[in-house]
Amino acid sequence: MRHLLASAPLLACVPDLAVDLARVDAPRVLAVRAEPAEVVPGEPVALSALYVDAGGTLVDGPLEWAFCGARRPLAELGPVSRACLERDGDAILPLGTGLAVTAPAPADGCRLFGPEPPPAVGDQPAGRPVDPDITGGYYQPLRVSAGDDDADLTLFQLRITCGLAGADPQQSAEYRTRARPNRAPAVVALERDGDALEPGVAVTVAPGDELPLRLVWETCPEQPTCGDGLCTLDEAADSCPGDCGGPIGCGGAETYLRFDPSTLELVTTREAIRVAWYATGGRYTAARTGRSPDEPEAFSDNTWTAPETAGDHTLWIVVRDDRGAAVWRELSVRVE
């Protein structure tokens, strides 16, 4: 079973140090993209998977999608209920089959997995609300299954828009006015030695040679500026109509608003960006790279070394922010 989360492993395990995290040699879901990246419970969300194998990106696949509606009992270890791992059951809410589906997020998401008091079950007292993650967010469990084997089941978490826990009415009102939902990163370019590589065009590398790569995403302002074409924190259609007439947010390391449970204050925080590198052959200098919130650069570098034998390979670069959104870029490489 594979476990991928918005920003960290869903069910953590200690990896075998000999395992190449970047190598793709079997069918595998590398990432899930949600549009919007943060959804209001009850509203529709479009979900698509990056499903690959040793031959490249799969254009078709029997992926079965489902939300899980089971809260994790306090007596169970791990961040999700074991019921989410079952093939069938009342907790499994099927969405459809294929590489992409569109469905409404469960309307009770903020009660089951957020700050609202959950419903009582049977004669048991109602449980406690779920604590937010370090970004102040809440998540709806989502599962993707590619077959009948447990190894073909992958878990994700979809960020949902909920209220604040522990805030007073004034802070909650301020949050609703100022906050903006998360937006997925946007890849601006994939570069080789400073030259942008065209999407869909293969590059050629000699056997054993190095391919230096730089992935570039959007540069986001740390402070909102009306007139910069981006509708970000503290901007709205009435105060900045030129920026907020279209998509909200920025496709990079956004500055967002969250409630700090230790100081009981609203604070602004900048996102971290994480980059995962995958390939059907060869090797990378690093399987994982990225930028911390303190690093202003909007790019990440890596080097892929071609195998010593000729052949065609596919490289994938998955970009995630630490609020759960993901996007990816693909590159075909011919070694000859």
C-alpha atoms as a PDB file:
ATOM      1  CA  MET A   1       0.000   0.000   0.000  1.00  0.00           C
ATOM      2  CA  ARG A   2       1.264   3.448  -0.878  1.00  0.00           C
ATOM      3  CA  HIS A   3       0.580   6.457   1.276  1.00  0.00           C
ATOM      4  CA  LEU A   4       0.877   9.989  -0.050  1.00  0.00           C
ATOM      5  CA  LEU A   5      -0.312  13.037   1.817  1.00  0.00           C
ATOM      6  CA  ALA A   6      -0.762  16.677   1.167  1.00  0.00           C
ATOM      7  CA  SER A   7       2.571  17.472   2.726  1.00  0.00           C
ATOM      8  CA  ALA A   8       3.853  14.310   4.429  1.00  0.00           C
ATOM      9  CA  PRO A   9       3.345  10.533   4.454  1.00  0.00           C
ATOM     10  CA  LEU A  10      -0.141   9.626   5.559  1.00  0.00           C
ATOM     11  CA  LEU A  11       0.901   6.431   7.297  1.00  0.00           C
ATOM     12  CA  ALA A  12       4.576   6.816   7.965  1.00  0.00           C
ATOM     13  CA  CYS A  13       6.937   3.867   7.757  1.00  0.00           C
ATOM     14  CA  VAL A  14      10.697   3.534   7.828  1.00  0.00           C
ATOM     15  CA  PRO A  15      11.936   3.159   4.230  1.00  0.00           C
ATOM     16  CA  ASP A  16      14.560   0.685   3.120  1.00  0.00           C
ATOM     17  CA  LEU A  17      17.683   2.807   2.708  1.00  0.00           C
ATOM     18  CA  ALA A  18      18.540   0.855  -0.461  1.00  0.00           C
ATOM     19  CA  VAL A  19      15.291   1.862  -2.178  1.00  0.00           C
ATOM     20  CA  ASP A  20      15.591   4.463  -4.935  1.00  0.00           C
ATOM     21  CA  LEU A  21      12.642   6.753  -4.221  1.00  0.00           C
ATOM     22  CA  ALA A  22      12.886   8.277  -7.701  1.00  0.00           C
ATOM     23  CA  ARG A  23      12.802   5.035  -9.698  1.00  0.00           C
ATOM     24  CA  VAL A  24       9.562   4.016 -11.435  1.00  0.00           C
ATOM     25  CA  ASP A  25       9.558   0.347 -12.445  1.00  0.00           C
ATOM     26  CA  ALA A  26       5.913  -0.632 -11.866  1.00  0.00           C
ATOM     27  CA  PRO A  27       2.445   0.951 -12.105  1.00  0.00           C
ATOM     28  CA  ARG A  28       2.239   3.734  -9.552  1.00  0.00           C
ATOM     29  CA  VAL A  29       0.175   6.810  -8.693  1.00  0.00           C
ATOM     30  CA  LEU A  30       2.751   9.550  -8.168  1.00  0.00           C
ATOM     31  CA  ALA A  31       0.403  12.427  -7.376  1.00  0.00           C
ATOM     32  CA  VAL A  32      -3.188  13.642  -7.359  1.00  0.00           C
ATOM     33  CA  ARG A  33      -4.212  17.102  -8.492  1.00  0.00           C
ATOM     34  CA  ALA A  34      -7.356  18.766  -7.130  1.00  0.00           C
ATOM     35  CA  GLU A  35      -9.091  21.715  -8.754  1.00  0.00           C
ATOM     36  CA  PRO A  36      -9.768  23.761  -6.735  1.00  0.00           C
ATOM     37  CA  ALA A  37      -6.799  22.888  -4.521  1.00  0.00           C
ATOM     38  CA  GLU A  38      -8.868  23.775  -1.436  1.00  0.00           C
ATOM     39  CA  VAL A  39     -12.552  22.953  -1.626  1.00  0.00           C
ATOM     40  CA  VAL A  40     -15.595  23.980   0.367  1.00  0.00           C
ATOM     41  CA  PRO A  41     -17.385  20.852   1.658  1.00  0.00           C
ATOM     42  CA  GLY A  42     -20.385  20.126  -0.538  1.00  0.00           C
ATOM     43  CA  GLU A  43     -18.853  21.905  -3.549  1.00  0.00           C
ATOM     44  CA  PRO A  44     -17.511  20.021  -6.615  1.00  0.00           C
ATOM     45  CA  VAL A  45     -13.838  19.193  -7.003  1.00  0.00           C
ATOM     46  CA  ALA A  46     -12.071  17.812 -10.094  1.00  0.00           C
ATOM     47  CA  LEU A  47      -9.496  15.148  -9.235  1.00  0.00           C
ATOM     48  CA  SER A  48      -6.862  13.769 -11.620  1.00  0.00           C
ATOM     49  CA  ALA A  49      -4.025  11.290 -11.069  1.00  0.00           C
ATOM     50  CA  LEU A  50      -0.503  11.034 -12.406  1.00  0.00           C
ATOM     51  CA  TYR A  51      -0.498   7.294 -13.059  1.00  0.00           C
ATOM     52  CA  VAL A  52       2.726   5.868 -14.493  1.00  0.00           C
ATOM     53  CA  ASP A  53       4.725   2.717 -15.035  1.00  0.00           C
ATOM     54  CA  ALA A  54       8.125   1.704 -16.387  1.00  0.00           C
ATOM     55  CA  GLY A  55       6.996   2.607 -19.912  1.00  0.00           C
ATOM     56  CA  GLY A  56       5.906   6.173 -19.123  1.00  0.00           C
ATOM     57  CA  THR A  57       2.662   7.964 -18.322  1.00  0.00           C
ATOM     58  CA  LEU A  58      -0.443   5.805 -18.595  1.00  0.00           C
ATOM     59  CA  VAL A  59      -3.237   7.397 -20.612  1.00  0.00           C
ATOM     60  CA  ASP A  60      -5.840   4.994 -19.279  1.00  0.00           C
ATOM     61  CA  GLY A  61      -6.231   3.030 -16.103  1.00  0.00           C
ATOM     62  CA  PRO A  62      -8.849   1.334 -13.917  1.00  0.00           C
ATOM     63  CA  LEU A  63      -8.327   3.676 -10.976  1.00  0.00           C
ATOM     64  CA  GLU A  64     -11.171   3.545  -8.463  1.00  0.00           C
ATOM     65  CA  TRP A  65     -11.708   6.752  -6.491  1.00  0.00           C
ATOM     66  CA  ALA A  66     -13.451   7.104  -3.142  1.00  0.00           C
ATOM     67  CA  PHE A  67     -13.700   9.472  -0.221  1.00  0.00           C
ATOM     68  CA  CYS A  68     -13.538   7.986   3.260  1.00  0.00           C
ATOM     69  CA  GLY A  69     -16.096   9.180   5.793  1.00  0.00           C
ATOM     70  CA  ALA A  70     -14.729   7.438   8.892  1.00  0.00           C
ATOM     71  CA  ARG A  71     -13.143   9.353  11.768  1.00  0.00           C
ATOM     72  CA  ARG A  72     -10.132   7.763  13.388  1.00  0.00           C
ATOM     73  CA  PRO A  73     -10.975   6.372  16.847  1.00  0.00           C
ATOM     74  CA  LEU A  74      -8.747   7.690  19.606  1.00  0.00           C
ATOM     75  CA  ALA A  75      -7.597   4.149  20.345  1.00  0.00           C
ATOM     76  CA  GLU A  76      -6.190   3.697  16.824  1.00  0.00           C
ATOM     77  CA  LEU A  77      -2.724   4.793  15.821  1.00  0.00           C
ATOM     78  CA  GLY A  78      -2.172   6.786  12.638  1.00  0.00           C
ATOM     79  CA  PRO A  79      -3.960   9.833  11.258  1.00  0.00           C
ATOM     80  CA  VAL A  80      -6.774   7.966   9.459  1.00  0.00           C
ATOM     81  CA  SER A  81      -9.257   5.314  10.439  1.00  0.00           C
ATOM     82  CA  ARG A  82      -8.474   1.744   9.500  1.00  0.00           C
ATOM     83  CA  ALA A  83     -11.915   1.714   7.899  1.00  0.00           C
ATOM     84  CA  CYS A  84     -10.436   3.903   5.148  1.00  0.00           C
ATOM     85  CA  LEU A  85      -8.217   0.967   4.172  1.00  0.00           C
ATOM     86  CA  GLU A  86     -11.067  -1.501   3.730  1.00  0.00           C
ATOM     87  CA  ARG A  87     -12.159  -2.410   0.212  1.00  0.00           C
ATOM     88  CA  ASP A  88     -15.829  -1.934   1.051  1.00  0.00           C
ATOM     89  CA  GLY A  89     -17.913  -0.618   3.896  1.00  0.00           C
ATOM     90  CA  ASP A  90     -20.159   2.203   4.973  1.00  0.00           C
ATOM     91  CA  ALA A  91     -17.184   4.557   5.298  1.00  0.00           C
ATOM     92  CA  ILE A  92     -16.161   4.197   1.634  1.00  0.00           C
ATOM     93  CA  LEU A  93     -17.874   6.733  -0.647  1.00  0.00           C
ATOM     94  CA  PRO A  94     -17.197   5.735  -4.292  1.00  0.00           C
ATOM     95  CA  LEU A  95     -16.633   8.548  -6.793  1.00  0.00           C
ATOM     96  CA  GLY A  96     -16.015   6.758 -10.076  1.00  0.00           C
ATOM     97  CA  THR A  97     -13.355   5.046 -12.180  1.00  0.00           C
ATOM     98  CA  GLY A  98     -10.645   6.409 -14.471  1.00  0.00           C
ATOM     99  CA  LEU A  99      -7.670   8.744 -14.429  1.00  0.00           C
ATOM    100  CA  ALA A 100      -9.911  11.674 -13.444  1.00  0.00           C
ATOM    101  CA  VAL A 101     -13.231  12.174 -11.675  1.00  0.00           C
ATOM    102  CA  THR A 102     -15.351  15.116 -10.596  1.00  0.00           C
ATOM    103  CA  ALA A 103     -17.579  14.946  -7.544  1.00  0.00           C
ATOM    104  CA  PRO A 104     -18.734  17.096  -4.628  1.00  0.00           C
ATOM    105  CA  ALA A 105     -16.618  16.919  -1.505  1.00  0.00           C
ATOM    106  CA  PRO A 106     -18.607  15.418   1.383  1.00  0.00           C
ATOM    107  CA  ALA A 107     -20.764  18.114   2.962  1.00  0.00           C
ATOM    108  CA  ASP A 108     -19.949  16.957   6.504  1.00  0.00           C
ATOM    109  CA  GLY A 109     -16.177  17.268   6.056  1.00  0.00           C
ATOM    110  CA  CYS A 110     -15.727  20.011   8.656  1.00  0.00           C
ATOM    111  CA  ARG A 111     -17.715  18.007  11.234  1.00  0.00           C
ATOM    112  CA  LEU A 112     -15.868  14.745  10.647  1.00  0.00           C
ATOM    113  CA  PHE A 113     -12.375  16.049   9.917  1.00  0.00           C
ATOM    114  CA  GLY A 114     -12.442  19.692  10.971  1.00  0.00           C
ATOM    115  CA  PRO A 115     -13.051  22.045  13.870  1.00  0.00           C
ATOM    116  CA  GLU A 116     -16.810  21.542  14.188  1.00  0.00           C
ATOM    117  CA  PRO A 117     -18.146  19.192  16.903  1.00  0.00           C
ATOM    118  CA  PRO A 118     -18.596  15.731  15.348  1.00  0.00           C
ATOM    119  CA  PRO A 119     -21.870  13.853  15.572  1.00  0.00           C
ATOM    120  CA  ALA A 120     -22.377  11.260  18.299  1.00  0.00           C
ATOM    121  CA  VAL A 121     -22.316   7.625  17.189  1.00  0.00           C
ATOM    122  CA  GLY A 122     -24.916   5.368  18.769  1.00  0.00           C
ATOM    123  CA  ASP A 123     -24.977   5.752  22.533  1.00  0.00           C
ATOM    124  CA  GLN A 124     -21.386   6.995  22.609  1.00  0.00           C
ATOM    125  CA  PRO A 125     -20.636  10.611  23.519  1.00  0.00           C
ATOM    126  CA  ALA A 126     -19.633  12.924  20.702  1.00  0.00           C
ATOM    127  CA  GLY A 127     -15.912  12.974  19.984  1.00  0.00           C
ATOM    128  CA  ARG A 128     -13.650  16.015  19.995  1.00  0.00           C
ATOM    129  CA  PRO A 129     -13.016  18.148  16.908  1.00  0.00           C
ATOM    130  CA  VAL A 130      -9.938  17.422  14.809  1.00  0.00           C
ATOM    131  CA  ASP A 131      -6.843  19.541  15.396  1.00  0.00           C
ATOM    132  CA  PRO A 132      -5.534  21.491  12.385  1.00  0.00           C
ATOM    133  CA  ASP A 133      -2.148  20.717  10.869  1.00  0.00           C
ATOM    134  CA  ILE A 134       0.766  23.139  11.189  1.00  0.00           C
ATOM    135  CA  THR A 135      -0.614  25.247   8.327  1.00  0.00           C
ATOM    136  CA  GLY A 136      -3.984  25.576  10.066  1.00  0.00           C
ATOM    137  CA  GLY A 137      -5.649  23.247   7.570  1.00  0.00           C
ATOM    138  CA  TYR A 138      -8.083  20.332   7.619  1.00  0.00           C
ATOM    139  CA  TYR A 139      -8.253  17.417   5.212  1.00  0.00           C
ATOM    140  CA  GLN A 140     -10.792  15.005   3.769  1.00  0.00           C
ATOM    141  CA  PRO A 141      -9.326  11.485   3.304  1.00  0.00           C
ATOM    142  CA  LEU A 142      -9.270  10.323  -0.315  1.00  0.00           C
ATOM    143  CA  ARG A 143      -8.235   6.948  -1.684  1.00  0.00           C
ATOM    144  CA  VAL A 144      -7.272   5.723  -5.149  1.00  0.00           C
ATOM    145  CA  SER A 145      -7.159   2.012  -5.915  1.00  0.00           C
ATOM    146  CA  ALA A 146      -5.542   0.493  -9.016  1.00  0.00           C
ATOM    147  CA  GLY A 147      -6.390  -3.143  -8.316  1.00  0.00           C
ATOM    148  CA  ASP A 148      -7.395  -5.737  -5.781  1.00  0.00           C
ATOM    149  CA  ASP A 149      -4.039  -5.896  -4.009  1.00  0.00           C
ATOM    150  CA  ASP A 150      -3.382  -3.722  -0.952  1.00  0.00           C
ATOM    151  CA  ALA A 151      -0.183  -2.520  -2.624  1.00  0.00           C
ATOM    152  CA  ASP A 152      -2.361  -0.859  -5.289  1.00  0.00           C
ATOM    153  CA  LEU A 153      -4.194   1.343  -2.761  1.00  0.00           C
ATOM    154  CA  THR A 154      -2.929   4.916  -2.374  1.00  0.00           C
ATOM    155  CA  LEU A 155      -4.181   7.413   0.197  1.00  0.00           C
ATOM    156  CA  PHE A 156      -4.289  11.186  -0.185  1.00  0.00           C
ATOM    157  CA  GLN A 157      -5.795  14.084   1.704  1.00  0.00           C
ATOM    158  CA  LEU A 158      -7.874  16.839   0.147  1.00  0.00           C
ATOM    159  CA  ARG A 159      -7.700  20.221   1.863  1.00  0.00           C
ATOM    160  CA  ILE A 160     -11.127  21.558   2.840  1.00  0.00           C
ATOM    161  CA  THR A 161     -12.199  25.048   3.841  1.00  0.00           C
ATOM    162  CA  CYS A 162     -13.411  25.187   7.438  1.00  0.00           C
ATOM    163  CA  GLY A 163     -13.666  27.758  10.195  1.00  0.00           C
ATOM    164  CA  LEU A 164     -11.214  28.381  13.009  1.00  0.00           C
ATOM    165  CA  ALA A 165     -10.916  26.480  16.262  1.00  0.00           C
ATOM    166  CA  GLY A 166     -10.207  28.505  19.391  1.00  0.00           C
ATOM    167  CA  ALA A 167     -10.645  31.920  17.788  1.00  0.00           C
ATOM    168  CA  ASP A 168     -12.994  34.564  19.132  1.00  0.00           C
ATOM    169  CA  PRO A 169     -15.829  35.962  16.944  1.00  0.00           C
ATOM    170  CA  GLN A 170     -13.787  39.018  15.939  1.00  0.00           C
ATOM    171  CA  GLN A 171     -10.845  36.895  14.827  1.00  0.00           C
ATOM    172  CA  SER A 172     -13.129  34.546  12.914  1.00  0.00           C
ATOM    173  CA  ALA A 173     -14.720  37.484  11.094  1.00  0.00           C
ATOM    174  CA  GLU A 174     -11.301  38.937  10.277  1.00  0.00           C
ATOM    175  CA  TYR A 175     -10.140  35.566   8.975  1.00  0.00           C
ATOM    176  CA  ARG A 176     -13.152  35.219   6.683  1.00  0.00           C
ATOM    177  CA  THR A 177     -12.469  38.689   5.265  1.00  0.00           C
ATOM    178  CA  ARG A 178      -8.717  38.390   4.757  1.00  0.00           C
ATOM    179  CA  ALA A 179      -7.984  34.715   4.019  1.00  0.00           C
ATOM    180  CA  ARG A 180      -7.838  33.238   0.532  1.00  0.00           C
ATOM    181  CA  PRO A 181      -8.084  29.525  -0.347  1.00  0.00           C
ATOM    182  CA  ASN A 182      -4.965  27.671  -1.380  1.00  0.00           C
ATOM    183  CA  ARG A 183      -3.950  27.639  -5.021  1.00  0.00           C
ATOM    184  CA  ALA A 184      -1.807  24.917  -6.577  1.00  0.00           C
ATOM    185  CA  PRO A 185       1.739  25.704  -7.677  1.00  0.00           C
ATOM    186  CA  ALA A 186       2.152  26.548 -11.366  1.00  0.00           C
ATOM    187  CA  VAL A 187       5.183  25.397 -13.332  1.00  0.00           C
ATOM    188  CA  VAL A 188       6.597  28.331 -15.300  1.00  0.00           C
ATOM    189  CA  ALA A 189       9.403  26.417 -17.014  1.00  0.00           C
ATOM    190  CA  LEU A 190      11.623  23.367 -16.978  1.00  0.00           C
ATOM    191  CA  GLU A 191      15.098  24.456 -18.011  1.00  0.00           C
ATOM    192  CA  ARG A 192      18.276  22.795 -19.250  1.00  0.00           C
ATOM    193  CA  ASP A 193      21.379  24.950 -18.842  1.00  0.00           C
ATOM    194  CA  GLY A 194      19.178  28.050 -18.706  1.00  0.00           C
ATOM    195  CA  ASP A 195      17.138  27.204 -21.816  1.00  0.00           C
ATOM    196  CA  ALA A 196      13.448  26.405 -21.401  1.00  0.00           C
ATOM    197  CA  LEU A 197      12.411  22.955 -22.597  1.00  0.00           C
ATOM    198  CA  GLU A 198       9.213  22.863 -24.626  1.00  0.00           C
ATOM    199  CA  PRO A 199       6.492  20.635 -23.171  1.00  0.00           C
ATOM    200  CA  GLY A 200       6.079  17.441 -25.182  1.00  0.00           C
ATOM    201  CA  VAL A 201       9.463  17.741 -26.934  1.00  0.00           C
ATOM    202  CA  ALA A 202      12.039  15.040 -26.122  1.00  0.00           C
ATOM    203  CA  VAL A 203      15.651  15.865 -25.315  1.00  0.00           C
ATOM    204  CA  THR A 204      18.689  13.795 -26.239  1.00  0.00           C
ATOM    205  CA  VAL A 205      21.489  12.797 -23.865  1.00  0.00           C
ATOM    206  CA  ALA A 206      24.538  10.618 -24.452  1.00  0.00           C
ATOM    207  CA  PRO A 207      24.884   7.442 -22.357  1.00  0.00           C
ATOM    208  CA  GLY A 208      26.277   8.250 -18.927  1.00  0.00           C
ATOM    209  CA  ASP A 209      26.016  12.023 -19.448  1.00  0.00           C
ATOM    210  CA  GLU A 210      24.483  14.444 -16.976  1.00  0.00           C
ATOM    211  CA  LEU A 211      21.306  16.428 -17.652  1.00  0.00           C
ATOM    212  CA  PRO A 212      21.136  19.535 -15.420  1.00  0.00           C
ATOM    213  CA  LEU A 213      17.545  20.563 -14.766  1.00  0.00           C
ATOM    214  CA  ARG A 214      15.906  23.559 -13.149  1.00  0.00           C
ATOM    215  CA  LEU A 215      12.184  23.622 -12.381  1.00  0.00           C
ATOM    216  CA  VAL A 216      10.747  27.134 -12.099  1.00  0.00           C
ATOM    217  CA  TRP A 217       7.424  28.049 -10.509  1.00  0.00           C
ATOM    218  CA  GLU A 218       5.618  31.372 -10.093  1.00  0.00           C
ATOM    219  CA  THR A 219       7.107  34.064  -7.874  1.00  0.00           C
ATOM    220  CA  CYS A 220       4.556  35.218  -5.299  1.00  0.00           C
ATOM    221  CA  PRO A 221       4.624  38.576  -3.485  1.00  0.00           C
ATOM    222  CA  GLU A 222       5.235  38.488   0.253  1.00  0.00           C
ATOM    223  CA  GLN A 223       2.960  41.525   0.649  1.00  0.00           C
ATOM    224  CA  PRO A 224      -0.269  42.093  -1.324  1.00  0.00           C
ATOM    225  CA  THR A 225       0.085  44.753  -3.990  1.00  0.00           C
ATOM    226  CA  CYS A 226      -2.974  45.967  -5.836  1.00  0.00           C
ATOM    227  CA  GLY A 227      -2.180  46.131  -9.532  1.00  0.00           C
ATOM    228  CA  ASP A 228       0.254  43.201  -9.727  1.00  0.00           C
ATOM    229  CA  GLY A 229      -2.325  40.972 -11.426  1.00  0.00           C
ATOM    230  CA  LEU A 230      -2.596  38.572  -8.469  1.00  0.00           C
ATOM    231  CA  CYS A 231      -5.519  38.339  -6.066  1.00  0.00           C
ATOM    232  CA  THR A 232      -3.743  37.366  -2.855  1.00  0.00           C
ATOM    233  CA  LEU A 233      -4.076  37.772   0.900  1.00  0.00           C
ATOM    234  CA  ASP A 234      -6.085  40.855   1.961  1.00  0.00           C
ATOM    235  CA  GLU A 235      -7.205  41.650  -1.611  1.00  0.00           C
ATOM    236  CA  ALA A 236     -10.806  41.415  -2.798  1.00  0.00           C
ATOM    237  CA  ALA A 237     -12.955  42.361  -5.772  1.00  0.00           C
ATOM    238  CA  ASP A 238     -14.240  45.527  -4.107  1.00  0.00           C
ATOM    239  CA  SER A 239     -10.810  46.800  -3.018  1.00  0.00           C
ATOM    240  CA  CYS A 240      -8.764  45.602  -5.995  1.00  0.00           C
ATOM    241  CA  PRO A 241     -11.084  44.736  -8.903  1.00  0.00           C
ATOM    242  CA  GLY A 242      -8.274  44.629 -11.458  1.00  0.00           C
ATOM    243  CA  ASP A 243      -6.524  41.788  -9.635  1.00  0.00           C
ATOM    244  CA  CYS A 244      -9.518  39.905  -8.275  1.00  0.00           C
ATOM    245  CA  GLY A 245     -11.626  39.584 -11.401  1.00  0.00           C
ATOM    246  CA  GLY A 246     -10.157  36.168 -12.207  1.00  0.00           C
ATOM    247  CA  PRO A 247      -8.366  33.326 -10.411  1.00  0.00           C
ATOM    248  CA  ILE A 248      -7.553  33.823  -6.742  1.00  0.00           C
ATOM    249  CA  GLY A 249      -4.082  33.210  -5.362  1.00  0.00           C
ATOM    250  CA  CYS A 250      -0.595  32.727  -6.773  1.00  0.00           C
ATOM    251  CA  GLY A 251       0.998  29.604  -8.251  1.00  0.00           C
ATOM    252  CA  GLY A 252       4.051  29.572  -6.026  1.00  0.00           C
ATOM    253  CA  ALA A 253       5.027  29.997  -2.376  1.00  0.00           C
ATOM    254  CA  GLU A 254       1.968  31.913  -1.192  1.00  0.00           C
ATOM    255  CA  THR A 255       1.755  33.961   1.981  1.00  0.00           C
ATOM    256  CA  TYR A 256      -1.369  32.850   3.826  1.00  0.00           C
ATOM    257  CA  LEU A 257      -3.276  33.571   7.012  1.00  0.00           C
ATOM    258  CA  ARG A 258      -3.613  31.054   9.835  1.00  0.00           C
ATOM    259  CA  PHE A 259      -4.646  30.989  13.481  1.00  0.00           C
ATOM    260  CA  ASP A 260      -1.756  30.247  15.849  1.00  0.00           C
ATOM    261  CA  PRO A 261      -3.113  28.023  18.672  1.00  0.00           C
ATOM    262  CA  SER A 262      -0.161  28.830  20.946  1.00  0.00           C
ATOM    263  CA  THR A 263      -0.437  32.635  20.793  1.00  0.00           C
ATOM    264  CA  LEU A 264      -4.174  32.704  19.957  1.00  0.00           C
ATOM    265  CA  GLU A 265      -3.464  35.235  17.226  1.00  0.00           C
ATOM    266  CA  LEU A 266      -3.883  35.433  13.461  1.00  0.00           C
ATOM    267  CA  VAL A 267      -0.471  35.262  11.787  1.00  0.00           C
ATOM    268  CA  THR A 268       0.825  35.207   8.221  1.00  0.00           C
ATOM    269  CA  THR A 269       3.044  32.379   7.014  1.00  0.00           C
ATOM    270  CA  ARG A 270       4.820  31.692   3.735  1.00  0.00           C
ATOM    271  CA  GLU A 271       4.494  28.287   2.104  1.00  0.00           C
ATOM    272  CA  ALA A 272       7.299  25.816   1.615  1.00  0.00           C
ATOM    273  CA  ILE A 273       7.603  24.188  -1.807  1.00  0.00           C
ATOM    274  CA  ARG A 274       8.643  20.543  -2.125  1.00  0.00           C
ATOM    275  CA  VAL A 275       9.768  18.882  -5.354  1.00  0.00           C
ATOM    276  CA  ALA A 276       9.788  15.113  -5.965  1.00  0.00           C
ATOM    277  CA  TRP A 277      11.785  13.779  -8.921  1.00  0.00           C
ATOM    278  CA  TYR A 278      10.958  10.477 -10.657  1.00  0.00           C
ATOM    279  CA  ALA A 279      12.327   8.607 -13.675  1.00  0.00           C
ATOM    280  CA  THR A 280      12.055   5.249 -15.440  1.00  0.00           C
ATOM    281  CA  GLY A 281      15.844   4.917 -15.497  1.00  0.00           C
ATOM    282  CA  GLY A 282      19.085   6.687 -14.726  1.00  0.00           C
ATOM    283  CA  ARG A 283      19.547   8.464 -11.419  1.00  0.00           C
ATOM    284  CA  TYR A 284      19.144  11.883  -9.824  1.00  0.00           C
ATOM    285  CA  THR A 285      21.527  13.698  -7.552  1.00  0.00           C
ATOM    286  CA  ALA A 286      18.601  13.973  -5.099  1.00  0.00           C
ATOM    287  CA  ALA A 287      15.163  12.363  -5.120  1.00  0.00           C
ATOM    288  CA  ARG A 288      13.656  15.273  -3.175  1.00  0.00           C
ATOM    289  CA  THR A 289      14.441  18.989  -3.304  1.00  0.00           C
ATOM    290  CA  GLY A 290      12.534  22.234  -2.685  1.00  0.00           C
ATOM    291  CA  ARG A 291      12.470  25.533  -0.844  1.00  0.00           C
ATOM    292  CA  SER A 292      11.751  26.375   2.777  1.00  0.00           C
ATOM    293  CA  PRO A 293       9.499  29.336   3.675  1.00  0.00           C
ATOM    294  CA  ASP A 294      12.628  31.417   4.304  1.00  0.00           C
ATOM    295  CA  GLU A 295      14.058  30.875   0.818  1.00  0.00           C
ATOM    296  CA  PRO A 296      12.769  33.437  -1.724  1.00  0.00           C
ATOM    297  CA  GLU A 297      13.995  31.602  -4.842  1.00  0.00           C
ATOM    298  CA  ALA A 298      11.217  30.257  -7.064  1.00  0.00           C
ATOM    299  CA  PHE A 299      13.134  27.348  -8.575  1.00  0.00           C
ATOM    300  CA  SER A 300      14.778  24.067  -7.658  1.00  0.00           C
ATOM    301  CA  ASP A 301      17.785  22.423  -9.318  1.00  0.00           C
ATOM    302  CA  ASN A 302      18.666  18.792  -9.825  1.00  0.00           C
ATOM    303  CA  THR A 303      20.810  16.669 -12.138  1.00  0.00           C
ATOM    304  CA  TRP A 304      19.754  13.479 -13.878  1.00  0.00           C
ATOM    305  CA  THR A 305      22.485  11.100 -15.018  1.00  0.00           C
ATOM    306  CA  ALA A 306      21.629   8.925 -17.993  1.00  0.00           C
ATOM    307  CA  PRO A 307      22.181   5.166 -17.873  1.00  0.00           C
ATOM    308  CA  GLU A 308      25.105   3.704 -19.782  1.00  0.00           C
ATOM    309  CA  THR A 309      22.840   2.001 -22.314  1.00  0.00           C
ATOM    310  CA  ALA A 310      20.752   3.606 -25.058  1.00  0.00           C
ATOM    311  CA  GLY A 311      16.997   3.839 -24.705  1.00  0.00           C
ATOM    312  CA  ASP A 312      14.003   6.064 -24.070  1.00  0.00           C
ATOM    313  CA  HIS A 313      13.097   7.281 -20.588  1.00  0.00           C
ATOM    314  CA  THR A 314      10.441   9.432 -18.944  1.00  0.00           C
ATOM    315  CA  LEU A 315      11.114  11.893 -16.147  1.00  0.00           C
ATOM    316  CA  TRP A 316       8.436  13.373 -13.892  1.00  0.00           C
ATOM    317  CA  ILE A 317       8.762  16.310 -11.537  1.00  0.00           C
ATOM    318  CA  VAL A 318       5.984  16.738  -8.963  1.00  0.00           C
ATOM    319  CA  VAL A 319       5.697  20.092  -7.183  1.00  0.00           C
ATOM    320  CA  ARG A 320       3.765  20.379  -3.913  1.00  0.00           C
ATOM    321  CA  ASP A 321       3.125  23.197  -1.491  1.00  0.00           C
ATOM    322  CA  ASP A 322       2.816  22.447   2.203  1.00  0.00           C
ATOM    323  CA  ARG A 323      -0.937  23.073   2.165  1.00  0.00           C
ATOM    324  CA  GLY A 324      -1.535  20.022   0.006  1.00  0.00           C
ATOM    325  CA  ALA A 325      -1.721  21.190  -3.608  1.00  0.00           C
ATOM    326  CA  ALA A 326       0.242  19.444  -6.371  1.00  0.00           C
ATOM    327  CA  VAL A 327       1.137  19.881 -10.030  1.00  0.00           C
ATOM    328  CA  TRP A 328       3.633  18.103 -12.272  1.00  0.00           C
ATOM    329  CA  ARG A 329       5.768  18.311 -15.395  1.00  0.00           C
ATOM    330  CA  GLU A 330       6.886  15.469 -17.659  1.00  0.00           C
ATOM    331  CA  LEU A 331      10.012  15.185 -19.793  1.00  0.00           C
ATOM    332  CA  SER A 332      10.897  12.541 -22.389  1.00  0.00           C
ATOM    333  CA  VAL A 333      14.604  11.748 -22.754  1.00  0.00           C
ATOM    334  CA  ARG A 334      16.312   9.723 -25.462  1.00  0.00           C
ATOM    335  CA  VAL A 335      19.675   8.249 -24.551  1.00  0.00           C
ATOM    336  CA  GLU A 336      21.769   7.650 -27.657  1.00  0.00           C
END
